[in-house]
Protein backbone atom coordinates (compact mmCIF):
# COMPACT_ATOMS: atom_id res chain seq x y z
CA MET A 1 19.22 34.65 -7.87
CA ARG A 2 17.00 33.18 -5.18
CA ASN A 3 17.60 34.18 -1.57
CA ARG A 4 20.16 31.87 -0.01
CA GLY A 5 21.00 33.98 3.04
CA PHE A 6 24.58 34.83 2.08
CA GLU A 7 26.72 36.33 -0.67
CA ILE A 8 30.33 35.92 -1.76
CA ARG A 9 32.67 38.85 -2.33
CA ARG A 10 36.10 38.33 -3.89
CA ASP A 11 39.17 40.53 -3.47
CA GLY A 12 42.17 38.87 -5.06
CA ALA A 13 43.35 35.97 -2.92
CA ARG A 14 40.79 36.81 -0.21
CA ALA A 15 37.09 35.97 -0.21
CA GLU A 16 34.44 37.30 2.14
CA ILE A 17 31.35 35.22 2.84
CA VAL A 18 28.67 37.57 4.12
CA LEU A 19 25.49 36.43 5.88
CA ASP A 20 23.02 38.96 4.52
CA ARG A 21 19.72 38.70 6.40
CA PRO A 22 20.39 41.34 9.09
CA ASP A 23 16.70 42.01 9.80
CA GLU A 24 16.33 38.34 10.80
CA ALA A 25 19.63 38.26 12.72
CA ASN A 26 21.11 36.29 9.80
CA SER A 27 19.10 33.19 10.62
CA LEU A 28 19.84 30.25 8.34
CA ILE A 29 17.07 29.49 5.85
CA GLU A 30 16.61 26.29 3.85
CA ASN A 31 18.51 27.51 0.77
CA PHE A 32 21.52 28.29 2.93
CA TRP A 33 21.94 24.66 3.92
CA VAL A 34 21.76 23.57 0.28
CA GLU A 35 23.99 26.21 -1.29
CA PHE A 36 26.60 27.11 1.34
CA PRO A 37 28.71 23.95 0.96
CA ASP A 38 28.58 24.30 -2.83
CA ALA A 39 29.79 27.89 -2.55
CA ILE A 40 32.72 26.89 -0.31
CA GLN A 41 33.68 24.09 -2.72
CA GLU A 42 33.49 26.50 -5.66
CA LEU A 43 35.85 28.93 -3.90
CA ASP A 44 38.20 26.04 -3.22
CA ARG A 45 38.06 24.59 -6.71
CA ASP A 46 40.08 27.11 -8.71
CA GLY A 47 42.92 27.42 -6.19
CA ASP A 48 43.06 31.23 -6.25
CA VAL A 49 41.51 31.81 -2.82
CA ARG A 50 44.08 31.62 -0.02
CA VAL A 51 41.93 32.74 2.90
CA ALA A 52 38.28 33.60 3.55
CA ILE A 53 36.45 35.71 6.10
CA LEU A 54 32.96 34.70 7.26
CA ARG A 55 30.91 37.55 8.70
CA GLY A 56 27.37 38.77 9.18
CA GLU A 57 25.65 42.00 8.26
CA GLY A 58 23.93 44.04 10.94
CA ARG A 59 24.04 43.81 14.72
CA ASN A 60 24.40 40.02 15.00
CA PHE A 61 26.58 37.35 13.46
CA CYS A 62 23.95 34.61 13.29
CA SER A 63 20.93 33.50 15.31
CA GLY A 64 21.03 29.93 14.03
CA ILE A 65 18.47 27.94 12.10
CA ASP A 66 15.45 29.89 10.92
CA VAL A 67 12.49 29.23 13.25
CA ALA A 68 10.12 28.67 10.32
CA LEU A 69 12.43 25.93 9.05
CA LEU A 70 12.63 24.38 12.50
CA GLU A 71 8.83 24.28 12.68
CA ARG A 72 8.76 22.49 9.34
CA PHE A 73 10.90 19.71 10.81
CA LEU A 74 8.04 18.96 13.19
CA GLU A 75 5.68 18.12 10.32
CA ASN A 76 5.89 14.59 8.97
CA GLY A 77 3.05 15.01 6.46
CA GLY A 78 1.43 11.82 7.67
CA ALA A 79 4.49 9.73 6.81
CA GLU A 80 5.02 6.40 8.53
CA ILE A 81 7.12 7.06 11.64
CA GLY A 82 10.05 4.81 10.75
CA ARG A 83 10.43 6.37 7.31
CA PHE A 84 10.05 9.86 8.74
CA ARG A 85 12.83 9.28 11.27
CA ALA A 86 15.10 7.65 8.67
CA ASN A 87 14.67 10.75 6.47
CA LEU A 88 15.32 12.97 9.49
CA ARG A 89 18.66 11.23 10.02
CA LEU A 90 19.56 11.77 6.34
CA MET A 91 18.65 15.44 6.62
CA VAL A 92 20.87 15.91 9.69
CA LEU A 93 23.78 14.19 7.94
CA ARG A 94 23.37 16.49 4.93
CA MET A 95 23.33 19.53 7.21
CA HIS A 96 26.62 18.28 8.65
CA GLU A 97 28.09 18.74 5.17
CA THR A 98 27.44 22.48 5.45
CA MET A 99 29.74 22.76 8.45
CA SER A 100 32.26 20.18 7.28
CA ALA A 101 32.75 22.01 3.96
CA MET A 102 34.66 24.73 5.80
CA GLU A 103 37.04 22.23 7.37
CA GLN A 104 37.59 20.49 4.03
CA ALA A 105 38.48 23.70 2.18
CA ARG A 106 42.19 24.03 1.40
CA PHE A 107 42.27 27.60 2.73
CA PRO A 108 41.70 28.86 6.31
CA ILE A 109 38.44 30.61 7.19
CA ILE A 110 38.27 33.38 9.78
CA ALA A 111 34.95 34.08 11.51
CA VAL A 112 34.23 37.69 12.51
CA VAL A 113 31.55 37.61 15.20
CA GLN A 114 29.47 40.47 16.54
CA GLY A 115 26.43 40.34 18.79
CA ALA A 116 24.64 37.00 18.91
CA CYS A 117 26.35 33.82 17.75
CA ILE A 118 23.91 31.13 18.81
CA GLY A 119 22.65 27.73 17.72
CA GLY A 120 23.68 27.05 14.14
CA GLY A 121 25.66 30.29 14.20
CA LEU A 122 27.92 28.79 16.85
CA ASP A 123 28.28 25.71 14.64
CA LEU A 124 29.47 27.99 11.83
CA ALA A 125 31.96 29.80 14.07
CA SER A 126 33.23 26.49 15.50
CA GLY A 127 33.80 25.15 11.99
CA CYS A 128 36.09 28.07 11.11
CA ASP A 129 39.83 28.00 11.70
CA LEU A 130 40.12 31.32 13.56
CA ARG A 131 37.67 33.61 15.33
CA VAL A 132 37.74 37.38 15.88
CA ALA A 133 34.97 38.88 18.02
CA THR A 134 33.63 42.26 18.99
CA ALA A 135 33.49 43.16 22.66
CA ASP A 136 29.70 42.69 22.69
CA ALA A 137 29.75 39.25 21.03
CA TYR A 138 28.38 36.24 22.87
CA PHE A 139 28.10 32.54 22.09
CA CYS A 140 25.32 30.17 23.13
CA VAL A 141 24.38 26.52 22.63
CA GLN A 142 20.82 27.61 21.92
CA GLU A 143 19.50 24.13 21.10
CA ILE A 144 19.14 23.19 24.77
CA HIS A 145 16.62 26.04 25.14
CA MET A 146 14.64 24.56 22.22
CA GLY A 147 14.30 21.06 23.62
CA LEU A 148 16.96 19.70 21.27
CA VAL A 149 20.35 18.02 21.37
CA ALA A 150 22.78 20.21 19.40
CA ASP A 151 23.46 18.00 16.39
CA LEU A 152 25.40 19.99 13.79
CA GLY A 153 28.84 19.49 15.32
CA VAL A 154 29.17 22.17 17.97
CA LEU A 155 29.42 19.65 20.83
CA GLN A 156 32.16 17.76 19.02
CA ARG A 157 34.08 20.80 17.80
CA LEU A 158 33.87 22.75 21.05
CA SER A 159 35.23 19.68 22.83
CA ALA A 160 38.32 19.95 20.63
CA LEU A 161 38.72 23.67 21.30
CA ILE A 162 37.97 24.40 24.97
CA PRO A 163 38.08 22.46 28.28
CA PRO A 164 35.55 19.60 28.47
CA ALA A 165 34.00 20.77 31.74
CA MET A 166 33.22 24.15 30.17
CA VAL A 167 31.68 22.45 27.12
CA ARG A 168 29.35 20.56 29.46
CA GLU A 169 28.39 23.70 31.35
CA LEU A 170 27.60 25.61 28.17
CA ALA A 171 25.73 22.67 26.63
CA PHE A 172 23.67 21.84 29.74
CA THR A 173 22.76 25.42 30.70
CA GLY A 174 22.75 27.28 27.38
CA ARG A 175 24.27 30.28 29.14
CA ARG A 176 25.91 33.04 27.15
CA LEU A 177 29.66 32.84 26.77
CA LYS A 178 30.88 36.42 26.38
CA ALA A 179 33.74 37.40 24.13
CA ASP A 180 36.28 38.08 26.89
CA GLU A 181 35.67 34.71 28.55
CA ALA A 182 35.72 32.97 25.16
CA THR A 183 39.15 34.52 24.57
CA ARG A 184 40.48 33.32 27.92
CA LEU A 185 39.28 29.81 27.08
CA GLY A 186 41.05 29.93 23.70
CA PHE A 187 37.93 29.79 21.54
CA VAL A 188 38.33 33.36 20.27
CA ASN A 189 41.71 34.51 18.93
CA ARG A 190 41.22 38.29 19.20
CA VAL A 191 38.66 40.73 20.61
CA ALA A 192 38.23 44.23 19.17
CA PRO A 193 35.92 47.05 20.30
CA ASP A 194 33.46 46.96 17.38
CA ILE A 195 32.75 45.38 14.01
CA GLU A 196 34.96 47.76 12.03
CA ALA A 197 37.93 47.09 14.29
CA SER A 198 37.23 43.33 14.25
CA LEU A 199 37.11 43.29 10.47
CA GLY A 200 40.40 45.19 10.44
CA VAL A 201 42.00 42.54 12.66
CA ALA A 202 40.59 39.73 10.50
CA ARG A 203 41.82 41.35 7.29
CA GLU A 204 45.29 41.77 8.77
CA LEU A 205 45.33 38.08 9.67
CA ALA A 206 44.05 37.25 6.18
CA ALA A 207 46.81 39.32 4.56
CA ASP A 208 49.44 37.57 6.67
CA ILE A 209 48.09 34.11 5.81
CA SER A 210 47.65 34.82 2.10
CA ALA A 211 51.31 35.88 1.86
CA LYS A 212 52.43 32.39 2.90
CA SER A 213 52.83 29.35 0.64
CA PRO A 214 49.27 28.14 -0.08
CA LEU A 215 50.58 24.58 -0.23
CA ALA A 216 52.15 24.89 3.22
CA ILE A 217 48.96 26.50 4.61
CA TRP A 218 46.81 23.71 3.15
CA GLY A 219 49.08 21.02 4.57
CA THR A 220 49.18 22.67 7.98
CA LYS A 221 45.38 22.93 8.10
CA GLU A 222 45.00 19.33 6.95
CA ILE A 223 47.36 17.97 9.61
CA LEU A 224 45.78 20.04 12.38
CA ASN A 225 42.28 18.94 11.38
CA ASP A 226 43.30 15.29 11.09
CA PHE A 227 44.15 15.23 14.79
CA ASP A 228 40.47 15.42 15.79
CA ARG A 229 38.69 14.52 12.53
CA ARG A 230 37.95 10.85 13.23
CA ARG A 231 36.60 11.58 16.71
CA ILE A 232 34.43 14.40 15.39
CA GLU A 233 33.08 12.31 12.51
CA ASP A 234 32.18 9.45 14.87
CA GLY A 235 30.38 11.94 17.12
CA LEU A 236 28.47 13.42 14.19
CA ARG A 237 27.21 10.02 13.08
CA TYR A 238 26.13 9.19 16.61
CA VAL A 239 24.25 12.45 17.20
CA ALA A 240 22.46 12.10 13.83
CA ALA A 241 21.24 8.65 14.90
CA TRP A 242 20.32 9.90 18.38
CA ASN A 243 18.31 12.89 17.21
CA SER A 244 16.49 10.92 14.51
CA GLY A 245 15.38 8.46 17.18
CA MET A 246 14.89 10.85 20.13
CA PHE A 247 13.56 13.93 18.32
CA MET A 248 10.72 15.12 20.55
CA PRO A 249 8.16 17.21 18.67
CA GLU A 250 6.24 17.94 21.89
CA ASP A 251 9.28 19.40 23.64
CA VAL A 252 10.34 21.40 20.59
CA GLN A 253 6.82 22.75 20.04
CA LYS A 254 6.66 23.84 23.67
CA SER A 255 10.07 25.47 23.38
CA VAL A 256 9.24 27.33 20.17
CA ALA A 257 5.93 28.55 21.60
CA ALA A 258 7.62 29.69 24.82
CA ALA A 259 10.31 31.52 22.86
CA LYS A 260 7.68 33.37 20.86
CA ARG A 261 5.80 34.34 24.03
CA LYS A 262 9.08 35.05 25.87
CA GLN A 263 7.78 32.95 28.76
CA PRO A 264 9.14 29.84 30.49
CA THR A 265 7.71 26.40 29.85
CA SER A 266 7.84 22.96 31.47
CA TYR A 267 8.51 19.48 30.17
CA ARG A 268 7.36 16.01 31.14
CA ASN A 269 9.77 13.82 33.10
CA LEU A 270 11.52 10.84 31.56
CA LEU A 271 9.79 7.49 31.92
CA PRO A 272 11.01 5.26 34.76
CA VAL A 273 13.46 2.53 33.84
CA ASP A 274 11.80 -0.80 34.76
CA ALA A 275 12.65 -4.39 33.94
CA PRO A 276 10.67 -5.32 30.83
CA ALA A 277 7.69 -7.51 31.60
CA ILE A 278 6.93 -10.53 29.40
CA PRO A 279 3.28 -10.36 28.31
CA GLN A 280 1.12 -13.26 29.45
CA GLY A 281 0.59 -15.92 26.80
CA ARG A 282 4.13 -15.52 25.47
CA THR A 283 7.37 -17.24 26.28
CA THR A 284 10.95 -16.56 25.26
CA VAL A 285 13.07 -19.09 23.45
CA LYS A 286 16.76 -18.32 22.83
CA GLY A 287 16.11 -14.62 23.14
CA LEU A 288 13.13 -14.65 20.74
CA THR A 289 9.46 -14.19 21.59
CA ASP A 290 7.14 -16.89 20.24
CA VAL A 291 3.35 -16.96 20.51
CA GLN A 292 2.19 -20.09 22.29
């Protein structure tokens, strides 16, 4: 089997989805984005799974999108700019499916987070139903450090989970939200000293959930998700359109290079907003521009 960055382990009514690239902090490679939603749908299909645990091997839960994959997004292969940006929008929408698959599953998913949970890793954790964290866990909207607007749903889902002012602070600054603060805000359900203890807490929750009527659990999850689903879906469509139009290769390239060097960088200012000038030799008629 080709490397997809995760594996599935089954234990009766419980499944464990394990991110298995610990040497790369479980960063999310291209095959992950293709195969993860299919794996969730396969678990959901037969009806035997009543709860799943999503966790990472090693010291960190997930460091987000693989940097090599991010660098590939900067290459348009000489494609015409309009077509390149239209394809970029399609790609972002397909990546949304990876996160949305967890919400659409009929069973709850519990994230167990240790160490770093940043960028796309925070998207994964936000897409789960419950979160258990180790005392050393931290969460970060890493995209702002990379010259990007976070576009995989974390802005929308965090806004449904914690106070809006805190979402703005985290999204604008990219500061680390530590496990104890995340618990006070209601983002994390439980904190345990280490990964073994956190897994124990998650498995106890899983056992409790799996003992309930799976039909009642499915219905409860569906109703809870429906409360925010339309607002989240509207936000996802908007951010896909925004990033396809405003994706800034220069800023991202600077950010990636600075991250590799572990040095700060600087960015150009926005352009001034001026009234548009009508070029000489042209006149407007009913809102259209005609050559005289």
